[in-house]
Amino acid sequence: MRDSIGLAAYRTLSGRRAAPDYKPAHARPAGEVVWIHAAEEGNNRAIADLAQRLIAVRHGTHVVLTAAHGGFDTDDIDGLKIDAAPEDHPDVARAFLGHWRPDVVIWAWGGLQPNLILEANKSGAYMLLVDTASDGFDGRRDRWLPEVPKRLLAAFDHVIARDADAQDRLVHLGRSARQVELAAPLYPCGQMLPANDSDIADVTEALAGRPTWLAARSTRAEGRVLLGAHKLAVSTSHRLLLILHATSPADSAHSMDLARAAGMRAVYWGAGQLPDDNCQVLVADADDELGLWMRIAPVTFLGGSLHPGNSVCDPYVAANHGTALIYGPHVGKHADAFTRLVNARAARIVNDKKTLSRAVSQMTAPDQAALMATAGWDVVTQAAMSLDRVIDLTQSHLDAIDGGAA
């Protein structure tokens, strides 16, 4: 398809500017490469979850992440490369695509950059436009030169709209209605944390059905409130156990001292100790064992949220493990996540020892814990379904390449 007059003019004018140097942040790895671009401000977390989920299900695939706004707060995992978003200059676009040579391009939301889109299309990459929104095509160029997004939309092999308004907008811009799939918006869904099966079996046997709650990644400053709330709750539920997960061995020792000073018997998981019927607090601190405790506890308090300035435990990760959520008023970067989970009745806010104790007592009732955990599970599962649809399309194309190469 030939470029329209408006698109040709844009490409000519953008090429007259001095081309900024493009220096890739990483060398291109061998094997399959998928480039995912997050164009929408504020949704980088969902795109990062998409990348990590793809890497987890397709061994050996490498994902390059770029964002039009901000950066990515992700774990350093094998296969994930983060690069700066390239400017939409013809020379930069050629340099970027020539370096990474992606097999698949996934562009999220809208905000289409003509030189990058057309260069990617020219490279032969499989092109996916996902999570499109009507406001993703509200730029000045889109309004004054509607033939430009029409030409760019034609470059994509598959297009997914997040709602009916976006679907209608794409049809208005020239994409055939039968060529626009409708799916739920992309939201973060969190990652499952690893856990040792034998540890799960040992702890489950030791607890013998005791009501249990977890304080995940709790800070030293939260220790007194957590133990005070637990002591109040124990007065009405004598078998209740608190798994107090601290952020360091030093904080674990501090928590052990606080528990003993409060007249509660505590054991330390790091010393190989398991709780018996007389134990009221199990203290742990190994971060790589947090998946174990989230699987064990039907109710989880998300540490770091009682006081400002702390790193708060990720609510989507906790919800992914089927646990009801309690949190404090200081949620940091997770405000949107907590809003979604509260609206789904999967999470409850507390402010102090008394409200925390009351929440623990009510939520550790099996029926209440199950209702809230299921609500949280529904939130992350629905988000995962949309991510998995994009992953399925990506894998189908990569499988076809592998089959053709064989």
Protein backbone atom coordinates (compact mmCIF):
# COMPACT_ATOMS: atom_id res chain seq x y z
CA MET A 1 0.00 0.00 0.00
CA ARG A 2 1.37 3.40 -1.02
CA ASP A 3 1.70 6.14 1.57
CA SER A 4 -0.97 8.83 1.61
CA ILE A 5 0.03 12.43 0.92
CA GLY A 6 -0.24 13.26 4.63
CA LEU A 7 1.88 10.29 5.68
CA ALA A 8 4.47 10.95 2.98
CA ALA A 9 4.70 14.56 4.15
CA TYR A 10 5.12 13.48 7.78
CA ARG A 11 7.89 11.05 6.91
CA THR A 12 9.68 13.65 4.80
CA LEU A 13 9.49 16.34 7.46
CA SER A 14 10.52 14.01 10.29
CA GLY A 15 13.50 12.88 8.23
CA ARG A 16 14.76 16.44 7.79
CA ARG A 17 15.46 16.76 11.50
CA ALA A 18 18.92 15.80 12.67
CA ALA A 19 18.77 12.17 13.65
CA PRO A 20 19.60 11.56 17.33
CA ASP A 21 22.10 8.80 17.98
CA TYR A 22 20.55 5.45 18.80
CA LYS A 23 22.63 3.34 21.15
CA PRO A 24 20.94 0.11 22.21
CA ALA A 25 20.97 -0.69 25.92
CA HIS A 26 21.82 -4.35 25.26
CA ALA A 27 23.19 -6.60 22.57
CA ARG A 28 20.59 -8.54 20.63
CA PRO A 29 20.33 -12.05 22.09
CA ALA A 30 20.27 -15.12 19.88
CA GLY A 31 16.92 -16.71 19.18
CA GLU A 32 13.38 -15.36 19.30
CA VAL A 33 12.88 -11.69 20.15
CA VAL A 34 9.56 -10.00 20.87
CA TRP A 35 9.40 -6.21 21.11
CA ILE A 36 6.60 -4.84 23.32
CA HIS A 37 5.95 -1.10 23.39
CA ALA A 38 3.82 0.51 26.13
CA ALA A 39 2.37 3.67 24.64
CA GLU A 40 -0.20 4.52 27.33
CA GLU A 41 0.86 6.55 30.32
CA GLY A 42 0.32 4.72 33.61
CA ASN A 43 -0.07 1.18 32.27
CA ASN A 44 3.55 0.04 32.19
CA ARG A 45 2.95 -2.47 35.00
CA ALA A 46 0.45 -4.45 32.92
CA ILE A 47 2.84 -4.50 29.96
CA ALA A 48 5.68 -5.69 32.22
CA ASP A 49 3.45 -8.50 33.50
CA LEU A 50 2.72 -9.45 29.89
CA ALA A 51 6.44 -9.64 29.16
CA GLN A 52 7.26 -11.70 32.24
CA ARG A 53 4.34 -14.05 31.61
CA LEU A 54 5.45 -14.61 28.02
CA ILE A 55 9.01 -15.37 29.11
CA ALA A 56 7.72 -17.80 31.75
CA VAL A 57 5.58 -19.82 29.33
CA ARG A 58 7.94 -19.79 26.34
CA HIS A 59 11.41 -20.87 27.37
CA GLY A 60 14.19 -19.19 25.44
CA THR A 61 12.17 -16.23 24.17
CA HIS A 62 13.60 -12.77 24.78
CA VAL A 63 11.41 -9.70 25.25
CA VAL A 64 12.47 -6.10 24.65
CA LEU A 65 10.38 -3.55 26.55
CA THR A 66 10.07 0.12 25.68
CA ALA A 67 7.69 2.75 27.04
CA ALA A 68 6.52 6.12 25.79
CA HIS A 69 6.12 7.34 29.38
CA GLY A 70 8.21 6.44 32.42
CA GLY A 71 10.05 3.21 32.99
CA PHE A 72 9.47 -0.32 34.22
CA ASP A 73 9.70 -1.44 37.83
CA THR A 74 10.39 -5.12 37.21
CA ASP A 75 12.55 -7.87 38.59
CA ASP A 76 15.79 -8.61 36.78
CA ILE A 77 14.85 -11.84 35.02
CA ASP A 78 16.54 -13.81 32.26
CA GLY A 79 15.17 -12.97 28.85
CA LEU A 80 13.93 -9.46 29.68
CA LYS A 81 15.65 -6.47 28.11
CA ILE A 82 14.59 -2.86 28.70
CA ASP A 83 15.57 -0.21 26.17
CA ALA A 84 14.74 3.46 25.77
CA ALA A 85 11.82 4.18 23.46
CA PRO A 86 13.28 5.28 20.12
CA GLU A 87 12.36 8.60 18.61
CA ASP A 88 10.14 8.51 15.55
CA HIS A 89 12.84 9.47 13.09
CA PRO A 90 13.35 7.35 9.93
CA ASP A 91 17.04 6.74 10.67
CA VAL A 92 16.41 5.94 14.34
CA ALA A 93 13.57 3.59 13.44
CA ARG A 94 15.81 1.72 10.98
CA ALA A 95 18.62 1.54 13.55
CA PHE A 96 16.33 0.28 16.32
CA LEU A 97 14.60 -2.35 14.19
CA GLY A 98 17.87 -3.29 12.52
CA HIS A 99 19.49 -3.93 15.88
CA TRP A 100 16.73 -5.89 17.63
CA ARG A 101 15.24 -7.62 14.55
CA PRO A 102 12.09 -8.64 16.44
CA ASP A 103 10.10 -11.63 15.25
CA VAL A 104 6.97 -10.16 16.83
CA VAL A 105 6.03 -6.54 17.59
CA ILE A 106 3.32 -5.89 20.21
CA TRP A 107 2.19 -2.27 20.37
CA ALA A 108 -0.20 -1.43 23.21
CA TRP A 109 -2.94 1.23 23.39
CA GLY A 110 -2.38 3.62 20.46
CA GLY A 111 -0.14 6.65 20.02
CA LEU A 112 1.16 5.12 16.79
CA GLN A 113 4.54 6.38 15.58
CA PRO A 114 4.57 6.19 11.77
CA ASN A 115 8.25 5.63 11.09
CA LEU A 116 8.55 2.89 13.71
CA ILE A 117 5.33 1.16 12.67
CA LEU A 118 6.15 1.18 8.97
CA GLU A 119 9.76 0.14 9.51
CA ALA A 120 8.61 -2.76 11.71
CA ASN A 121 6.09 -3.77 9.08
CA LYS A 122 8.77 -3.58 6.39
CA SER A 123 11.03 -5.86 8.46
CA GLY A 124 8.54 -8.72 8.17
CA ALA A 125 7.79 -8.90 11.91
CA TYR A 126 4.38 -10.18 12.98
CA MET A 127 2.50 -7.08 14.13
CA LEU A 128 0.02 -7.00 17.02
CA LEU A 129 -1.86 -3.88 18.14
CA VAL A 130 -3.41 -4.67 21.52
CA ASP A 131 -5.42 -3.00 24.28
CA THR A 132 -6.40 -0.19 21.93
CA ALA A 133 -8.48 2.64 23.38
CA SER A 134 -10.42 5.38 21.64
CA ASP A 135 -8.23 8.06 23.24
CA GLY A 136 -5.16 6.34 21.81
CA PHE A 137 -6.03 8.00 18.50
CA ASP A 138 -6.77 11.50 19.75
CA GLY A 139 -3.44 13.06 18.83
CA ARG A 140 -3.34 16.17 16.68
CA ARG A 141 -2.02 14.23 13.69
CA ASP A 142 -4.78 11.62 14.05
CA ARG A 143 -7.47 14.32 14.01
CA TRP A 144 -6.12 16.36 11.12
CA LEU A 145 -4.74 13.56 8.97
CA PRO A 146 -7.13 10.59 9.44
CA GLU A 147 -5.58 8.79 6.49
CA VAL A 148 -2.37 8.36 8.53
CA PRO A 149 -3.80 6.07 11.25
CA LYS A 150 -5.75 4.24 8.53
CA ARG A 151 -2.48 3.39 6.75
CA LEU A 152 -0.76 2.50 10.03
CA LEU A 153 -3.62 0.25 11.19
CA ALA A 154 -3.28 -1.68 7.94
CA ALA A 155 0.30 -2.57 8.95
CA PHE A 156 -0.91 -4.75 11.84
CA ASP A 157 -1.70 -8.42 11.38
CA HIS A 158 -4.05 -8.52 14.38
CA VAL A 159 -5.81 -5.77 16.32
CA ILE A 160 -7.50 -6.06 19.73
CA ALA A 161 -9.72 -3.32 21.20
CA ARG A 162 -10.30 -2.97 24.95
CA ASP A 163 -13.94 -1.91 24.67
CA ALA A 164 -16.75 -1.18 22.21
CA ASP A 165 -15.82 2.53 21.95
CA ALA A 166 -12.31 1.62 20.86
CA GLN A 167 -13.67 -0.93 18.42
CA ASP A 168 -15.98 1.68 16.87
CA ARG A 169 -13.12 4.19 16.66
CA LEU A 170 -10.91 1.72 14.80
CA VAL A 171 -13.70 0.95 12.36
CA HIS A 172 -14.21 4.69 11.82
CA LEU A 173 -10.49 5.00 11.08
CA GLY A 174 -10.75 2.36 8.37
CA ARG A 175 -10.13 -1.02 10.00
CA SER A 176 -12.73 -3.58 9.02
CA ALA A 177 -15.04 -4.54 11.92
CA ARG A 178 -14.29 -8.23 11.38
CA GLN A 179 -10.59 -7.42 11.75
CA VAL A 180 -10.95 -5.93 15.24
CA GLU A 181 -11.15 -8.35 18.15
CA LEU A 182 -12.77 -7.24 21.39
CA ALA A 183 -11.15 -8.23 24.70
CA ALA A 184 -10.97 -6.93 28.26
CA PRO A 185 -8.34 -4.24 29.01
CA LEU A 186 -4.83 -5.28 29.97
CA TYR A 187 -4.35 -5.05 33.71
CA PRO A 188 -1.51 -6.29 35.92
CA CYS A 189 -2.09 -9.78 37.23
CA GLY A 190 0.96 -10.43 39.40
CA GLN A 191 3.31 -13.39 39.29
CA MET A 192 3.11 -16.66 41.18
CA LEU A 193 6.00 -17.05 43.61
CA PRO A 194 7.80 -20.38 43.92
CA ALA A 195 7.29 -22.70 46.87
CA ASN A 196 8.79 -26.03 47.91
CA ASP A 197 6.16 -28.79 47.92
CA SER A 198 7.71 -30.55 50.90
CA ASP A 199 7.67 -27.30 52.91
CA ILE A 200 3.99 -26.81 52.09
CA ALA A 201 3.24 -30.34 53.27
CA ASP A 202 5.28 -29.97 56.48
CA VAL A 203 3.72 -26.64 57.49
CA THR A 204 0.21 -27.76 56.58
CA GLU A 205 0.61 -30.87 58.73
CA ALA A 206 2.01 -28.87 61.65
CA LEU A 207 -0.84 -26.34 61.54
CA ALA A 208 -3.53 -29.05 61.47
CA GLY A 209 -6.22 -26.65 60.30
CA ARG A 210 -5.42 -23.81 62.71
CA PRO A 211 -6.72 -20.34 61.73
CA THR A 212 -3.73 -18.46 60.35
CA TRP A 213 -2.85 -15.03 59.03
CA LEU A 214 0.30 -13.72 57.41
CA ALA A 215 2.08 -10.37 57.68
CA ALA A 216 4.07 -10.31 54.42
CA ARG A 217 7.29 -8.28 54.22
CA SER A 218 6.47 -6.43 57.38
CA THR A 219 8.74 -3.61 58.50
CA ARG A 220 10.38 -3.29 61.91
CA ALA A 221 8.19 -0.26 62.67
CA GLU A 222 5.08 -2.36 62.11
CA GLY A 223 6.12 -5.11 64.52
CA ARG A 224 4.45 -3.75 67.66
CA VAL A 225 1.16 -3.07 65.88
CA LEU A 226 1.11 -6.51 64.26
CA LEU A 227 1.88 -8.37 67.46
CA GLY A 228 -0.47 -6.18 69.48
CA ALA A 229 -3.30 -6.84 67.04
CA HIS A 230 -2.54 -10.54 67.10
CA LYS A 231 -2.62 -10.68 70.88
CA LEU A 232 -6.05 -9.02 70.87
CA ALA A 233 -7.33 -11.44 68.25
CA VAL A 234 -5.95 -14.46 70.15
CA SER A 235 -8.10 -13.52 73.14
CA THR A 236 -11.18 -14.58 71.14
CA SER A 237 -9.56 -17.17 68.84
CA HIS A 238 -7.13 -19.13 71.01
CA ARG A 239 -5.65 -21.26 68.21
CA LEU A 240 -4.95 -18.32 65.89
CA LEU A 241 -1.39 -18.25 64.47
CA LEU A 242 0.47 -15.25 63.05
CA ILE A 243 3.14 -15.91 60.42
CA LEU A 244 5.25 -12.78 60.72
CA HIS A 245 7.41 -12.45 57.61
CA ALA A 246 10.09 -9.81 58.23
CA THR A 247 12.39 -8.14 55.73
CA SER A 248 15.70 -9.29 57.27
CA PRO A 249 17.15 -11.68 59.85
CA ALA A 250 17.81 -8.71 62.13
CA ASP A 251 14.15 -7.73 61.96
CA SER A 252 13.18 -11.34 62.63
CA ALA A 253 15.24 -11.32 65.82
CA HIS A 254 13.58 -8.06 66.82
CA SER A 255 10.15 -9.59 66.19
CA MET A 256 11.04 -12.65 68.28
CA ASP A 257 11.99 -10.33 71.17
CA LEU A 258 8.77 -8.34 70.82
CA ALA A 259 6.66 -11.50 70.82
CA ARG A 260 8.31 -12.84 73.96
CA ALA A 261 8.01 -9.46 75.69
CA ALA A 262 4.29 -9.56 74.92
CA GLY A 263 4.03 -12.98 76.54
CA MET A 264 3.56 -14.93 73.30
CA ARG A 265 5.49 -18.04 72.33
CA ALA A 266 7.30 -17.65 69.01
CA VAL A 267 9.43 -19.94 66.85
CA TYR A 268 11.85 -19.03 64.07
CA TRP A 269 11.43 -20.79 60.72
CA GLY A 270 15.02 -19.97 59.75
CA ALA A 271 16.23 -22.25 62.55
CA GLY A 272 14.14 -25.12 61.22
CA GLN A 273 11.42 -24.72 63.86
CA LEU A 274 7.77 -25.59 63.25
CA PRO A 275 4.89 -24.29 65.37
CA ASP A 276 3.20 -26.63 67.83
CA ASP A 277 -0.22 -26.14 69.42
CA ASN A 278 1.20 -23.77 72.05
CA CYS A 279 2.97 -21.52 69.53
CA GLN A 280 1.27 -18.25 68.64
CA VAL A 281 3.79 -16.65 66.26
CA LEU A 282 5.94 -18.14 63.51
CA VAL A 283 8.68 -15.72 62.40
CA ALA A 284 10.32 -15.99 58.98
CA ASP A 285 12.36 -13.70 56.73
CA ALA A 286 13.56 -15.54 53.60
CA ASP A 287 12.13 -13.55 50.70
CA ASP A 288 12.27 -16.52 48.34
CA GLU A 289 9.91 -18.41 50.67
CA LEU A 290 7.14 -15.81 50.61
CA GLY A 291 5.25 -17.96 48.09
CA LEU A 292 5.07 -20.69 50.74
CA TRP A 293 3.44 -18.44 53.32
CA MET A 294 0.98 -16.91 50.85
CA ARG A 295 -0.16 -20.40 49.93
CA ILE A 296 -0.55 -21.36 53.60
CA ALA A 297 -2.35 -18.29 54.99
CA PRO A 298 -5.96 -17.55 53.97
CA VAL A 299 -5.53 -13.92 55.08
CA THR A 300 -2.52 -11.68 54.39
CA PHE A 301 -1.58 -8.26 55.72
CA LEU A 302 0.58 -6.45 53.16
CA GLY A 303 3.62 -5.13 54.96
CA GLY A 304 4.98 -1.62 54.53
CA SER A 305 1.51 -0.08 54.30
CA LEU A 306 1.00 1.14 57.88
CA HIS A 307 3.59 3.91 57.66
CA PRO A 308 4.62 6.22 54.79
CA GLY A 309 7.85 5.85 52.86
CA ASN A 310 8.07 2.06 52.73
CA SER A 311 8.05 -0.40 49.86
CA VAL A 312 4.62 -2.02 50.02
CA CYS A 313 4.08 -5.69 49.30
CA ASP A 314 2.49 -6.14 45.85
CA PRO A 315 -1.26 -6.80 46.24
CA TYR A 316 -1.62 -8.50 42.85
CA VAL A 317 1.05 -11.04 43.75
CA ALA A 318 -0.72 -11.83 47.01
CA ALA A 319 -4.16 -12.09 45.35
CA ASN A 320 -2.68 -14.49 42.81
CA HIS A 321 -2.03 -16.95 45.65
CA GLY A 322 -5.65 -17.04 46.80
CA THR A 323 -5.39 -15.07 50.03
CA ALA A 324 -7.70 -12.33 51.34
CA LEU A 325 -5.95 -8.98 51.77
CA ILE A 326 -5.54 -6.47 54.59
CA TYR A 327 -3.53 -3.29 54.14
CA GLY A 328 -2.74 0.04 55.75
CA PRO A 329 -3.35 3.59 54.46
CA HIS A 330 0.05 4.09 52.79
CA VAL A 331 0.01 2.10 49.54
CA GLY A 332 2.57 4.00 47.44
CA LYS A 333 2.57 3.03 43.77
CA HIS A 334 -0.14 0.40 44.29
CA ALA A 335 -3.09 2.80 44.67
CA ASP A 336 -4.82 1.62 41.48
CA ALA A 337 -4.35 -2.02 42.43
CA PHE A 338 -5.88 -1.55 45.87
CA THR A 339 -8.78 0.40 44.39
CA ARG A 340 -9.61 -2.48 42.04
CA LEU A 341 -9.29 -5.08 44.78
CA VAL A 342 -11.35 -3.08 47.30
CA ASN A 343 -14.08 -2.53 44.70
CA ALA A 344 -14.11 -6.29 44.17
CA ARG A 345 -14.38 -6.80 47.95
CA ALA A 346 -11.09 -8.66 48.02
CA ALA A 347 -9.21 -6.26 50.31
CA ARG A 348 -9.85 -4.29 53.51
CA ILE A 349 -8.04 -1.24 54.87
CA VAL A 350 -6.97 -0.85 58.51
CA ASN A 351 -5.30 2.01 60.39
CA ASP A 352 -4.12 0.74 63.76
CA LYS A 353 -3.89 -2.17 66.18
CA LYS A 354 -7.59 -2.29 66.98
CA THR A 355 -8.86 -2.14 63.40
CA LEU A 356 -6.26 -4.70 62.34
CA SER A 357 -7.25 -7.06 65.15
CA ARG A 358 -10.92 -6.70 64.23
CA ALA A 359 -10.20 -7.37 60.56
CA VAL A 360 -8.11 -10.46 61.35
CA SER A 361 -10.80 -11.88 63.64
CA GLN A 362 -13.52 -11.41 61.04
CA MET A 363 -11.58 -12.38 57.95
CA THR A 364 -10.02 -15.57 59.30
CA ALA A 365 -13.50 -17.05 59.53
CA PRO A 366 -13.34 -19.68 56.76
CA ASP A 367 -16.40 -18.46 54.84
CA GLN A 368 -15.28 -14.82 54.88
CA ALA A 369 -11.70 -15.63 53.89
CA ALA A 370 -12.93 -17.80 51.01
CA LEU A 371 -15.26 -15.10 49.69
CA MET A 372 -12.57 -12.43 49.70
CA ALA A 373 -9.86 -14.71 48.31
CA THR A 374 -12.16 -15.77 45.48
CA ALA A 375 -12.94 -12.14 44.69
CA GLY A 376 -9.24 -11.32 44.49
CA TRP A 377 -8.58 -14.41 42.41
CA ASP A 378 -11.28 -13.30 39.97
CA VAL A 379 -9.60 -9.90 39.56
CA VAL A 380 -6.20 -11.34 38.65
CA THR A 381 -7.66 -14.19 36.60
CA GLN A 382 -9.68 -11.83 34.40
CA ALA A 383 -6.55 -9.76 33.86
CA ALA A 384 -4.55 -12.87 33.02
CA MET A 385 -7.07 -13.95 30.38
CA SER A 386 -6.42 -10.84 28.28
CA LEU A 387 -2.66 -11.20 28.70
CA ASP A 388 -2.87 -14.86 27.73
CA ARG A 389 -4.80 -14.03 24.56
CA VAL A 390 -1.92 -11.83 23.41
CA ILE A 391 0.56 -14.54 24.38
CA ASP A 392 -1.39 -17.19 22.46
CA LEU A 393 -1.28 -15.08 19.30
CA THR A 394 2.43 -14.49 19.79
CA GLN A 395 3.19 -18.15 20.36
CA SER A 396 1.15 -19.25 17.36
CA HIS A 397 3.25 -17.07 15.09
CA LEU A 398 6.54 -18.11 16.69
CA ASP A 399 5.52 -21.76 16.42
CA ALA A 400 4.79 -21.24 12.73
CA ILE A 401 8.26 -19.76 12.25
CA ASP A 402 9.83 -22.72 14.05
CA GLY A 403 7.80 -25.17 11.99
CA GLY A 404 8.76 -23.46 8.77
CA ALA A 405 12.43 -23.45 9.75
CA ALA A 406 12.26 -27.19 10.51
